[in-house]
């Protein structure tokens, strides 16, 4: 005896679809993966944005050294020297010049905007001797910030 046409259609419909429980399991798995992956992604993005501070500090350091080569003094006026504070090239850091004297200076990049969430490397600085220092949001020195 052959099965009726309506019972065959009913079997086909049951085979094609997903149950609500199956869909909820998939949604839960995707949610768990997103909850784990998103903070890692944000951490990676913050680390990548540190290159903005490094590049801008290197550029401003080069300008200061060029001015020093012309005047033999970091504190004298120089046409190439920009007005501080300034914003980094991609806008993630504010760059300030401090400790400016005849033979010393310190350039400091402070995270701003969305990059301010980078509490590990809140500030990065470099001086006339190319000594690099980074501090977290609590003011503790960090050694990982200058590593690309």
Protein backbone atom coordinates (compact mmCIF):
# COMPACT_ATOMS: atom_id res chain seq x y z
CA UNK A 1 0.00 0.00 0.00
CA UNK A 2 1.27 3.38 -0.97
CA UNK A 3 1.27 6.27 1.50
CA UNK A 4 -1.19 8.99 0.74
CA UNK A 5 -0.03 12.18 -0.89
CA UNK A 6 -0.99 14.37 2.10
CA UNK A 7 1.13 12.30 4.54
CA UNK A 8 4.15 12.62 2.20
CA UNK A 9 3.73 16.39 2.10
CA UNK A 10 3.54 16.53 5.88
CA UNK A 11 6.84 14.61 6.17
CA UNK A 12 8.50 16.93 3.68
CA UNK A 13 7.39 19.99 5.64
CA UNK A 14 8.75 18.57 8.89
CA UNK A 15 12.11 17.77 7.32
CA UNK A 16 12.64 21.20 5.74
CA UNK A 17 12.17 23.47 8.74
CA UNK A 18 14.04 24.18 11.99
CA UNK A 19 12.42 23.95 15.33
CA UNK A 20 12.34 26.89 17.69
CA UNK A 21 14.68 25.08 20.08
CA UNK A 22 17.27 24.57 17.33
CA UNK A 23 17.13 28.25 16.42
CA UNK A 24 17.47 29.28 20.08
CA UNK A 25 20.53 27.04 20.47
CA UNK A 26 22.16 28.67 17.44
CA UNK A 27 21.36 32.15 18.75
CA UNK A 28 22.83 31.24 22.15
CA UNK A 29 26.04 29.91 20.57
CA UNK A 30 26.44 33.03 18.42
CA UNK A 31 25.82 35.20 21.49
CA UNK A 32 28.48 33.38 23.50
CA UNK A 33 31.00 33.66 20.67
CA UNK A 34 30.27 37.37 20.28
CA UNK A 35 30.62 37.94 24.02
CA UNK A 36 34.07 36.35 23.96
CA UNK A 37 35.29 37.78 20.64
CA UNK A 38 34.17 41.42 20.90
CA UNK A 39 36.38 42.43 23.87
CA UNK A 40 39.36 40.79 22.17
CA UNK A 41 38.59 42.71 19.00
CA UNK A 42 38.37 46.02 20.90
CA UNK A 43 41.69 45.28 22.61
CA UNK A 44 43.31 44.64 19.25
CA UNK A 45 41.90 47.89 17.81
CA UNK A 46 43.20 49.92 20.79
CA UNK A 47 46.63 48.35 20.40
CA UNK A 48 46.62 49.14 16.67
CA UNK A 49 45.68 52.78 17.37
CA UNK A 50 48.82 53.17 19.51
CA UNK A 51 50.73 53.37 16.23
CA UNK A 52 49.06 56.78 15.75
CA UNK A 53 50.75 58.05 18.91
CA UNK A 54 54.10 56.51 17.99
CA UNK A 55 54.08 58.01 14.49
CA UNK A 56 53.01 61.47 15.65
CA UNK A 57 55.55 61.54 18.49
CA UNK A 58 58.32 60.49 16.08
CA UNK A 59 57.28 63.20 13.62
CA UNK A 60 57.22 65.92 16.29
CA UNK A 61 60.52 64.68 17.70
CA UNK A 62 62.07 65.04 14.25
CA UNK A 63 60.78 68.62 13.99
CA UNK A 64 62.20 69.46 17.43
CA UNK A 65 65.57 67.98 16.51
CA UNK A 66 65.61 69.97 13.27
CA UNK A 67 64.90 73.16 15.23
CA UNK A 68 67.65 72.25 17.69
CA UNK A 69 70.10 71.78 14.81
CA UNK A 70 69.30 75.33 13.66
CA UNK A 71 69.33 77.12 17.03
CA UNK A 72 71.13 74.71 19.42
CA UNK A 73 68.28 75.28 21.86
CA UNK A 74 64.97 73.38 22.19
CA UNK A 75 63.24 76.38 23.78
CA UNK A 76 63.96 78.95 21.05
CA UNK A 77 61.36 79.82 18.46
CA UNK A 78 61.50 77.87 15.24
CA UNK A 79 59.34 78.30 12.14
CA UNK A 80 58.79 74.54 11.74
CA UNK A 81 57.61 74.02 15.33
CA UNK A 82 53.82 73.60 15.56
CA UNK A 83 51.64 75.06 18.28
CA UNK A 84 51.06 72.60 21.11
CA UNK A 85 48.85 70.87 22.16
CA UNK A 86 47.96 69.31 18.85
CA UNK A 87 45.95 66.31 17.72
CA UNK A 88 47.64 63.21 16.31
CA UNK A 89 47.28 62.46 12.62
CA UNK A 90 44.36 60.03 13.08
CA UNK A 91 42.85 61.94 16.02
CA UNK A 92 43.25 59.29 18.73
CA UNK A 93 45.79 61.23 20.84
CA UNK A 94 46.45 64.74 22.08
CA UNK A 95 50.15 65.65 21.84
CA UNK A 96 51.68 68.04 24.38
CA UNK A 97 55.17 69.50 24.73
CA UNK A 98 56.51 69.91 28.28
CA UNK A 99 59.81 70.22 30.14
CA UNK A 100 60.99 72.45 27.32
CA UNK A 101 64.36 74.04 28.11
CA UNK A 102 67.60 74.74 26.28
CA UNK A 103 68.64 71.10 26.27
CA UNK A 104 65.51 69.14 27.23
CA UNK A 105 61.95 68.47 26.16
CA UNK A 106 59.27 65.85 26.65
CA UNK A 107 56.56 65.02 24.13
CA UNK A 108 53.51 63.28 25.58
CA UNK A 109 50.62 61.60 23.77
CA UNK A 110 47.44 61.27 25.82
CA UNK A 111 44.65 59.00 24.58
CA UNK A 112 41.43 60.84 23.71
CA UNK A 113 38.01 59.96 22.35
CA UNK A 114 37.42 56.25 21.85
CA UNK A 115 41.10 55.54 22.51
CA UNK A 116 40.68 56.83 26.08
CA UNK A 117 39.32 53.36 26.88
CA UNK A 118 42.90 52.10 26.46
CA UNK A 119 43.67 52.18 30.18
CA UNK A 120 46.86 50.12 29.74
CA UNK A 121 48.58 52.85 27.72
CA UNK A 122 46.82 56.07 28.69
CA UNK A 123 49.93 58.20 28.03
CA UNK A 124 53.04 57.65 25.96
CA UNK A 125 56.00 60.02 26.05
CA UNK A 126 59.45 60.50 24.57
CA UNK A 127 62.21 62.94 25.51
CA UNK A 128 65.26 64.51 23.84
CA UNK A 129 67.35 61.38 24.56
CA UNK A 130 64.72 59.19 22.86
CA UNK A 131 63.79 57.60 26.18
CA UNK A 132 60.32 56.19 25.82
CA UNK A 133 57.90 55.93 28.71
CA UNK A 134 54.28 54.82 28.89
CA UNK A 135 51.85 54.91 31.79
CA UNK A 136 48.49 53.35 32.44
CA UNK A 137 45.47 55.28 33.67
CA UNK A 138 46.66 54.86 37.29
CA UNK A 139 50.06 56.39 36.50
CA UNK A 140 52.01 53.13 36.67
CA UNK A 141 54.78 52.60 34.11
CA UNK A 142 54.00 50.09 31.36
CA UNK A 143 56.51 48.29 29.17
CA UNK A 144 54.14 46.85 26.54
CA UNK A 145 52.97 50.11 24.99
CA UNK A 146 55.93 50.84 22.74
CA UNK A 147 56.00 47.31 21.29
CA UNK A 148 54.35 47.29 17.85
